[in-house]
Amino acid sequence: MVGEKSLKEKTINRWSYSRLGTYESCPKKAYYRYIKKVPEEQHPAAERGIKIHNLAEQYIKGEIEEVPRELYLFYEGFEQLKEGYNDGEVSVEEQWAFNLSWEKTDWDGEDTWGRYIIDAFVKQGNYAKVIDFKTGRFKDNNEGYKKQCSLYASCVLKRFPELEKIDAELWYLDHHKITRFHFERDELIEAKEKFHKRAISMTTDTEFKTTPSEFACRFCSFTNICKDNFYERS
């Protein structure tokens, strides 16, 4: 038991898309953020994003009556989500998790390996749609966002294997724009396998080597405490 506890303290044993992105940009950054839990100052844009996501959840669930002005560009869309929520076809801000076999488990279960939060999820028979709310800049044809959607769709397919069609939408709430993706089952199986290999690399790493660069280290929250940053090497 002591050995297992020691290993968990030295590894990032649970992953998400954002954690994986942090790790692959610099393993040492992930170490400071997720293992050492060094405090970071939250960017105003992140604070605003959290506020708007909370407003969206409250409106869809009927906890507030009027559409918040931050959501007004998507007035019709949120009305449909609210109606679907009342009909039992829409879930909102769901915290879903899976184990090493990608089978669903509890958010804080003993076997929890991967986690994801879906802003809005629509399920109608054998069809499902994943909706992700975006604030800030509009990024059309963003490859990173497509991969994020493919991960969510892969997780959803494992959670609901009866699904025949899964779509994903990015709602850019500040721009009244939507980016849509459609995923075939074979495509999602392949995506899952790729994510699995990447996540294994992250969740078994115990060294957390740095990958310094001038640009990355300049804006990193941990440059001052990292002894192997770009400027120290220079």
C-alpha atoms as a PDB file:
ATOM      1  CA  MET A   1       0.000   0.000   0.000  1.00  0.00           C
ATOM      2  CA  VAL A   2       2.853   2.377   0.821  1.00  0.00           C
ATOM      3  CA  GLY A   3       4.411   1.703  -2.572  1.00  0.00           C
ATOM      4  CA  GLU A   4       1.123   2.362  -4.382  1.00  0.00           C
ATOM      5  CA  LYS A   5       0.572   5.621  -2.483  1.00  0.00           C
ATOM      6  CA  SER A   6       4.112   6.752  -3.236  1.00  0.00           C
ATOM      7  CA  LEU A   7       3.644   6.033  -6.939  1.00  0.00           C
ATOM      8  CA  LYS A   8       0.349   7.959  -7.081  1.00  0.00           C
ATOM      9  CA  GLU A   9       2.034  10.944  -5.473  1.00  0.00           C
ATOM     10  CA  LYS A  10       4.627  10.915  -8.265  1.00  0.00           C
ATOM     11  CA  THR A  11       2.296  10.418 -11.233  1.00  0.00           C
ATOM     12  CA  ILE A  12      -0.672  12.210 -12.739  1.00  0.00           C
ATOM     13  CA  ASN A  13      -3.006   9.240 -12.447  1.00  0.00           C
ATOM     14  CA  ARG A  14      -6.102  10.937 -13.909  1.00  0.00           C
ATOM     15  CA  TRP A  15      -6.297  12.730 -17.207  1.00  0.00           C
ATOM     16  CA  SER A  16      -8.556  14.984 -19.243  1.00  0.00           C
ATOM     17  CA  TYR A  17      -8.130  16.730 -22.567  1.00  0.00           C
ATOM     18  CA  SER A  18      -6.816  19.887 -20.912  1.00  0.00           C
ATOM     19  CA  ARG A  19      -4.428  17.965 -18.665  1.00  0.00           C
ATOM     20  CA  LEU A  20      -3.111  16.039 -21.636  1.00  0.00           C
ATOM     21  CA  GLY A  21      -2.561  19.280 -23.529  1.00  0.00           C
ATOM     22  CA  THR A  22      -0.637  20.774 -20.616  1.00  0.00           C
ATOM     23  CA  TYR A  23       1.508  17.661 -20.248  1.00  0.00           C
ATOM     24  CA  GLU A  24       2.351  17.452 -23.939  1.00  0.00           C
ATOM     25  CA  SER A  25       3.302  21.113 -24.052  1.00  0.00           C
ATOM     26  CA  CYS A  26       5.722  20.576 -21.144  1.00  0.00           C
ATOM     27  CA  PRO A  27       5.692  17.623 -18.708  1.00  0.00           C
ATOM     28  CA  LYS A  28       7.342  19.733 -16.007  1.00  0.00           C
ATOM     29  CA  LYS A  29       4.540  22.294 -16.250  1.00  0.00           C
ATOM     30  CA  ALA A  30       2.030  19.491 -15.669  1.00  0.00           C
ATOM     31  CA  TYR A  31       4.086  18.348 -12.687  1.00  0.00           C
ATOM     32  CA  TYR A  32       3.927  21.774 -11.044  1.00  0.00           C
ATOM     33  CA  ARG A  33       0.230  22.201 -11.824  1.00  0.00           C
ATOM     34  CA  TYR A  34      -1.218  18.763 -11.054  1.00  0.00           C
ATOM     35  CA  ILE A  35       1.186  17.116  -8.596  1.00  0.00           C
ATOM     36  CA  LYS A  36       2.778  19.976  -6.663  1.00  0.00           C
ATOM     37  CA  LYS A  37      -0.398  22.060  -7.137  1.00  0.00           C
ATOM     38  CA  VAL A  38       1.523  25.331  -7.183  1.00  0.00           C
ATOM     39  CA  PRO A  39      -1.009  28.217  -7.012  1.00  0.00           C
ATOM     40  CA  GLU A  40      -1.580  30.174 -10.235  1.00  0.00           C
ATOM     41  CA  GLU A  41      -3.257  33.484 -10.881  1.00  0.00           C
ATOM     42  CA  GLN A  42      -6.446  33.007 -12.880  1.00  0.00           C
ATOM     43  CA  HIS A  43      -6.694  34.995 -16.102  1.00  0.00           C
ATOM     44  CA  PRO A  44      -9.733  37.340 -16.356  1.00  0.00           C
ATOM     45  CA  ALA A  45     -10.790  35.578 -19.576  1.00  0.00           C
ATOM     46  CA  ALA A  46     -10.920  32.255 -17.711  1.00  0.00           C
ATOM     47  CA  GLU A  47     -12.982  33.793 -14.918  1.00  0.00           C
ATOM     48  CA  ARG A  48     -15.407  35.191 -17.487  1.00  0.00           C
ATOM     49  CA  GLY A  49     -15.665  31.803 -19.198  1.00  0.00           C
ATOM     50  CA  ILE A  50     -16.541  30.078 -15.927  1.00  0.00           C
ATOM     51  CA  LYS A  51     -19.189  32.719 -15.177  1.00  0.00           C
ATOM     52  CA  ILE A  52     -20.844  32.306 -18.590  1.00  0.00           C
ATOM     53  CA  HIS A  53     -20.823  28.509 -18.358  1.00  0.00           C
ATOM     54  CA  ASN A  54     -22.553  28.797 -14.981  1.00  0.00           C
ATOM     55  CA  LEU A  55     -25.176  31.129 -16.441  1.00  0.00           C
ATOM     56  CA  ALA A  56     -25.799  28.704 -19.319  1.00  0.00           C
ATOM     57  CA  GLU A  57     -26.280  25.807 -16.905  1.00  0.00           C
ATOM     58  CA  GLN A  58     -28.637  27.815 -14.702  1.00  0.00           C
ATOM     59  CA  TYR A  59     -30.756  28.951 -17.638  1.00  0.00           C
ATOM     60  CA  ILE A  60     -31.054  25.507 -19.237  1.00  0.00           C
ATOM     61  CA  LYS A  61     -32.074  24.031 -15.877  1.00  0.00           C
ATOM     62  CA  GLY A  62     -34.682  26.765 -15.363  1.00  0.00           C
ATOM     63  CA  GLU A  63     -32.948  28.240 -12.332  1.00  0.00           C
ATOM     64  CA  ILE A  64     -33.093  31.707 -13.904  1.00  0.00           C
ATOM     65  CA  GLU A  65     -36.024  32.868 -16.017  1.00  0.00           C
ATOM     66  CA  GLU A  66     -34.590  35.407 -18.457  1.00  0.00           C
ATOM     67  CA  VAL A  67     -31.863  34.641 -20.959  1.00  0.00           C
ATOM     68  CA  PRO A  68     -28.657  36.315 -19.680  1.00  0.00           C
ATOM     69  CA  ARG A  69     -27.290  38.936 -22.043  1.00  0.00           C
ATOM     70  CA  GLU A  70     -24.075  36.896 -22.376  1.00  0.00           C
ATOM     71  CA  LEU A  71     -26.117  34.153 -24.074  1.00  0.00           C
ATOM     72  CA  TYR A  72     -28.465  36.295 -26.116  1.00  0.00           C
ATOM     73  CA  LEU A  73     -26.787  35.682 -29.488  1.00  0.00           C
ATOM     74  CA  PHE A  74     -27.817  32.042 -29.037  1.00  0.00           C
ATOM     75  CA  TYR A  75     -31.274  32.770 -27.686  1.00  0.00           C
ATOM     76  CA  GLU A  76     -33.045  30.167 -29.863  1.00  0.00           C
ATOM     77  CA  GLY A  77     -30.423  27.522 -29.219  1.00  0.00           C
ATOM     78  CA  PHE A  78     -30.654  27.882 -25.460  1.00  0.00           C
ATOM     79  CA  GLU A  79     -34.436  27.854 -25.630  1.00  0.00           C
ATOM     80  CA  GLN A  80     -34.231  24.491 -27.427  1.00  0.00           C
ATOM     81  CA  LEU A  81     -31.774  23.140 -24.882  1.00  0.00           C
ATOM     82  CA  LYS A  82     -34.033  24.268 -22.043  1.00  0.00           C
ATOM     83  CA  GLU A  83     -37.006  22.543 -23.642  1.00  0.00           C
ATOM     84  CA  GLY A  84     -34.964  19.398 -24.231  1.00  0.00           C
ATOM     85  CA  TYR A  85     -33.776  19.427 -20.619  1.00  0.00           C
ATOM     86  CA  ASN A  86     -37.367  19.529 -19.421  1.00  0.00           C
ATOM     87  CA  ASP A  87     -38.166  16.594 -21.746  1.00  0.00           C
ATOM     88  CA  GLY A  88     -35.243  14.549 -20.424  1.00  0.00           C
ATOM     89  CA  GLU A  89     -33.300  14.651 -23.702  1.00  0.00           C
ATOM     90  CA  VAL A  90     -30.608  17.139 -22.648  1.00  0.00           C
ATOM     91  CA  SER A  91     -27.934  16.913 -19.968  1.00  0.00           C
ATOM     92  CA  VAL A  92     -25.925  19.947 -18.948  1.00  0.00           C
ATOM     93  CA  GLU A  93     -22.475  20.308 -17.318  1.00  0.00           C
ATOM     94  CA  GLU A  94     -22.287  16.575 -16.705  1.00  0.00           C
ATOM     95  CA  GLN A  95     -19.164  15.281 -14.955  1.00  0.00           C
ATOM     96  CA  TRP A  96     -18.437  11.922 -16.574  1.00  0.00           C
ATOM     97  CA  ALA A  97     -15.504   9.625 -15.932  1.00  0.00           C
ATOM     98  CA  PHE A  98     -14.106   6.314 -17.176  1.00  0.00           C
ATOM     99  CA  ASN A  99     -11.563   3.725 -16.101  1.00  0.00           C
ATOM    100  CA  LEU A 100      -8.549   2.287 -17.898  1.00  0.00           C
ATOM    101  CA  SER A 101     -10.889   0.155 -20.025  1.00  0.00           C
ATOM    102  CA  TRP A 102     -12.923   3.261 -20.925  1.00  0.00           C
ATOM    103  CA  GLU A 103     -15.928   1.921 -19.040  1.00  0.00           C
ATOM    104  CA  LYS A 104     -17.957   4.500 -17.140  1.00  0.00           C
ATOM    105  CA  THR A 105     -17.174   4.969 -13.464  1.00  0.00           C
ATOM    106  CA  ASP A 106     -17.647   7.529 -10.712  1.00  0.00           C
ATOM    107  CA  TRP A 107     -15.977  10.945 -10.913  1.00  0.00           C
ATOM    108  CA  ASP A 108     -13.908  10.150  -7.807  1.00  0.00           C
ATOM    109  CA  GLY A 109     -13.922   6.361  -8.062  1.00  0.00           C
ATOM    110  CA  GLU A 110     -11.007   4.161  -7.063  1.00  0.00           C
ATOM    111  CA  ASP A 111     -10.580   3.159 -10.711  1.00  0.00           C
ATOM    112  CA  THR A 112     -11.148   6.600 -12.252  1.00  0.00           C
ATOM    113  CA  TRP A 113      -8.633   7.228 -15.034  1.00  0.00           C
ATOM    114  CA  GLY A 114     -10.160   9.753 -17.447  1.00  0.00           C
ATOM    115  CA  ARG A 115     -12.554  12.643 -16.893  1.00  0.00           C
ATOM    116  CA  TYR A 116     -14.540  14.985 -19.087  1.00  0.00           C
ATOM    117  CA  ILE A 117     -17.235  17.607 -18.591  1.00  0.00           C
ATOM    118  CA  ILE A 118     -19.749  18.091 -21.386  1.00  0.00           C
ATOM    119  CA  ASP A 119     -21.364  21.525 -21.496  1.00  0.00           C
ATOM    120  CA  ALA A 120     -24.540  20.201 -23.121  1.00  0.00           C
ATOM    121  CA  PHE A 121     -25.435  16.722 -24.331  1.00  0.00           C
ATOM    122  CA  VAL A 122     -28.448  15.876 -26.476  1.00  0.00           C
ATOM    123  CA  LYS A 123     -29.568  12.251 -26.842  1.00  0.00           C
ATOM    124  CA  GLN A 124     -32.500  11.259 -29.000  1.00  0.00           C
ATOM    125  CA  GLY A 125     -32.731   7.527 -29.592  1.00  0.00           C
ATOM    126  CA  ASN A 126     -29.622   6.360 -31.471  1.00  0.00           C
ATOM    127  CA  TYR A 127     -28.469   9.926 -32.144  1.00  0.00           C
ATOM    128  CA  ALA A 128     -26.397  12.150 -29.867  1.00  0.00           C
ATOM    129  CA  LYS A 129     -24.910  15.624 -30.051  1.00  0.00           C
ATOM    130  CA  VAL A 130     -22.162  17.073 -27.903  1.00  0.00           C
ATOM    131  CA  ILE A 131     -22.165  20.866 -27.519  1.00  0.00           C
ATOM    132  CA  ASP A 132     -19.206  22.819 -26.191  1.00  0.00           C
ATOM    133  CA  PHE A 133     -19.630  26.489 -25.273  1.00  0.00           C
ATOM    134  CA  LYS A 134     -16.730  28.731 -26.276  1.00  0.00           C
ATOM    135  CA  THR A 135     -16.069  32.278 -25.123  1.00  0.00           C
ATOM    136  CA  GLY A 136     -13.501  34.714 -26.438  1.00  0.00           C
ATOM    137  CA  ARG A 137     -11.958  34.532 -29.884  1.00  0.00           C
ATOM    138  CA  PHE A 138     -13.532  32.676 -32.795  1.00  0.00           C
ATOM    139  CA  LYS A 139     -11.235  29.912 -34.062  1.00  0.00           C
ATOM    140  CA  ASP A 140     -12.623  28.377 -37.227  1.00  0.00           C
ATOM    141  CA  ASN A 141     -11.193  25.028 -38.364  1.00  0.00           C
ATOM    142  CA  ASN A 142      -9.151  24.753 -35.183  1.00  0.00           C
ATOM    143  CA  GLU A 143      -7.496  21.327 -35.160  1.00  0.00           C
ATOM    144  CA  GLY A 144      -7.171  21.284 -31.377  1.00  0.00           C
ATOM    145  CA  TYR A 145     -10.886  21.855 -30.910  1.00  0.00           C
ATOM    146  CA  LYS A 146     -11.682  19.097 -33.417  1.00  0.00           C
ATOM    147  CA  LYS A 147      -9.515  16.661 -31.471  1.00  0.00           C
ATOM    148  CA  GLN A 148     -11.212  17.730 -28.246  1.00  0.00           C
ATOM    149  CA  CYS A 149     -14.594  16.997 -29.813  1.00  0.00           C
ATOM    150  CA  SER A 150     -13.371  13.626 -31.098  1.00  0.00           C
ATOM    151  CA  LEU A 151     -12.344  12.686 -27.546  1.00  0.00           C
ATOM    152  CA  TYR A 152     -15.737  13.657 -26.148  1.00  0.00           C
ATOM    153  CA  ALA A 153     -17.501  11.762 -28.947  1.00  0.00           C
ATOM    154  CA  SER A 154     -15.308   8.688 -28.330  1.00  0.00           C
ATOM    155  CA  CYS A 155     -16.189   8.760 -24.632  1.00  0.00           C
ATOM    156  CA  VAL A 156     -19.871   9.167 -25.404  1.00  0.00           C
ATOM    157  CA  LEU A 157     -19.797   6.186 -27.792  1.00  0.00           C
ATOM    158  CA  LYS A 158     -18.291   3.987 -25.067  1.00  0.00           C
ATOM    159  CA  ARG A 159     -20.875   5.245 -22.596  1.00  0.00           C
ATOM    160  CA  PHE A 160     -23.779   4.732 -25.023  1.00  0.00           C
ATOM    161  CA  PRO A 161     -22.683   1.940 -27.424  1.00  0.00           C
ATOM    162  CA  GLU A 162     -26.106   1.855 -29.084  1.00  0.00           C
ATOM    163  CA  LEU A 163     -25.488   5.217 -30.740  1.00  0.00           C
ATOM    164  CA  GLU A 164     -25.320   5.204 -34.525  1.00  0.00           C
ATOM    165  CA  LYS A 165     -24.587   8.881 -35.125  1.00  0.00           C
ATOM    166  CA  ILE A 166     -22.676  11.414 -33.024  1.00  0.00           C
ATOM    167  CA  ASP A 167     -22.251  15.084 -33.886  1.00  0.00           C
ATOM    168  CA  ALA A 168     -20.348  17.790 -32.065  1.00  0.00           C
ATOM    169  CA  GLU A 169     -20.848  21.542 -32.122  1.00  0.00           C
ATOM    170  CA  LEU A 170     -18.782  24.426 -30.852  1.00  0.00           C
ATOM    171  CA  TRP A 171     -20.964  27.412 -29.956  1.00  0.00           C
ATOM    172  CA  TYR A 172     -18.947  30.642 -30.012  1.00  0.00           C
ATOM    173  CA  LEU A 173     -21.181  32.598 -27.679  1.00  0.00           C
ATOM    174  CA  ASP A 174     -19.524  35.970 -28.350  1.00  0.00           C
ATOM    175  CA  HIS A 175     -19.764  35.684 -32.146  1.00  0.00           C
ATOM    176  CA  HIS A 176     -23.005  33.857 -33.013  1.00  0.00           C
ATOM    177  CA  LYS A 177     -21.001  31.247 -34.912  1.00  0.00           C
ATOM    178  CA  ILE A 178     -21.084  27.441 -34.796  1.00  0.00           C
ATOM    179  CA  THR A 179     -18.472  24.946 -35.918  1.00  0.00           C
ATOM    180  CA  ARG A 180     -19.894  21.469 -36.565  1.00  0.00           C
ATOM    181  CA  PHE A 181     -18.231  18.066 -36.705  1.00  0.00           C
ATOM    182  CA  HIS A 182     -19.656  14.660 -37.600  1.00  0.00           C
ATOM    183  CA  PHE A 183     -17.906  11.486 -36.478  1.00  0.00           C
ATOM    184  CA  GLU A 184     -18.232   7.962 -37.853  1.00  0.00           C
ATOM    185  CA  ARG A 185     -17.918   5.000 -35.483  1.00  0.00           C
ATOM    186  CA  ASP A 186     -14.689   3.712 -37.089  1.00  0.00           C
ATOM    187  CA  GLU A 187     -13.187   7.188 -36.836  1.00  0.00           C
ATOM    188  CA  LEU A 188     -13.970   7.359 -33.123  1.00  0.00           C
ATOM    189  CA  ILE A 189     -12.517   3.917 -32.417  1.00  0.00           C
ATOM    190  CA  GLU A 190      -9.272   5.027 -34.058  1.00  0.00           C
ATOM    191  CA  ALA A 191      -9.294   8.325 -32.146  1.00  0.00           C
ATOM    192  CA  LYS A 192      -9.839   6.478 -28.851  1.00  0.00           C
ATOM    193  CA  GLU A 193      -6.819   4.256 -29.475  1.00  0.00           C
ATOM    194  CA  LYS A 194      -4.602   7.274 -30.165  1.00  0.00           C
ATOM    195  CA  PHE A 195      -5.791   9.105 -27.061  1.00  0.00           C
ATOM    196  CA  HIS A 196      -5.267   5.961 -25.001  1.00  0.00           C
ATOM    197  CA  LYS A 197      -1.589   5.727 -25.972  1.00  0.00           C
ATOM    198  CA  ARG A 198      -1.014   9.414 -25.294  1.00  0.00           C
ATOM    199  CA  ALA A 199      -2.766   9.242 -21.928  1.00  0.00           C
ATOM    200  CA  ILE A 200      -0.805   6.147 -20.891  1.00  0.00           C
ATOM    201  CA  SER A 201       2.400   8.058 -21.541  1.00  0.00           C
ATOM    202  CA  MET A 202       1.202  10.893 -19.334  1.00  0.00           C
ATOM    203  CA  THR A 203      -0.219   8.841 -16.463  1.00  0.00           C
ATOM    204  CA  THR A 204       2.863   6.611 -16.165  1.00  0.00           C
ATOM    205  CA  ASP A 205       5.506   9.344 -16.407  1.00  0.00           C
ATOM    206  CA  THR A 206       7.567   9.837 -13.245  1.00  0.00           C
ATOM    207  CA  GLU A 207      10.333  12.053 -14.663  1.00  0.00           C
ATOM    208  CA  PHE A 208       8.458  15.083 -16.068  1.00  0.00           C
ATOM    209  CA  LYS A 209      11.241  16.472 -18.206  1.00  0.00           C
ATOM    210  CA  THR A 210      11.086  20.052 -19.402  1.00  0.00           C
ATOM    211  CA  THR A 211      10.582  21.097 -23.018  1.00  0.00           C
ATOM    212  CA  PRO A 212      11.667  24.727 -22.729  1.00  0.00           C
ATOM    213  CA  SER A 213      11.307  27.406 -25.384  1.00  0.00           C
ATOM    214  CA  GLU A 214      11.559  31.179 -25.187  1.00  0.00           C
ATOM    215  CA  PHE A 215       7.884  31.712 -26.018  1.00  0.00           C
ATOM    216  CA  ALA A 216       6.525  28.979 -23.722  1.00  0.00           C
ATOM    217  CA  CYS A 217       8.701  29.886 -20.741  1.00  0.00           C
ATOM    218  CA  ARG A 218       7.953  33.580 -21.083  1.00  0.00           C
ATOM    219  CA  PHE A 219       4.258  32.997 -20.397  1.00  0.00           C
ATOM    220  CA  CYS A 220       4.548  29.995 -18.067  1.00  0.00           C
ATOM    221  CA  SER A 221       3.317  30.446 -14.492  1.00  0.00           C
ATOM    222  CA  PHE A 222       6.194  28.344 -13.153  1.00  0.00           C
ATOM    223  CA  THR A 223       9.239  29.870 -14.860  1.00  0.00           C
ATOM    224  CA  ASN A 224      10.440  31.436 -11.612  1.00  0.00           C
ATOM    225  CA  ILE A 225      10.611  28.085  -9.809  1.00  0.00           C
ATOM    226  CA  CYS A 226      11.654  25.881 -12.732  1.00  0.00           C
ATOM    227  CA  LYS A 227      15.431  25.470 -12.725  1.00  0.00           C
ATOM    228  CA  ASP A 228      15.473  24.103 -16.252  1.00  0.00           C
ATOM    229  CA  ASN A 229      13.590  26.885 -18.041  1.00  0.00           C
ATOM    230  CA  PHE A 230      14.737  28.453 -21.312  1.00  0.00           C
ATOM    231  CA  TYR A 231      16.446  31.372 -19.635  1.00  0.00           C
ATOM    232  CA  GLU A 232      18.408  29.206 -17.186  1.00  0.00           C
ATOM    233  CA  ARG A 233      19.625  27.072 -20.084  1.00  0.00           C
ATOM    234  CA  SER A 234      20.616  30.146 -22.053  1.00  0.00           C
END
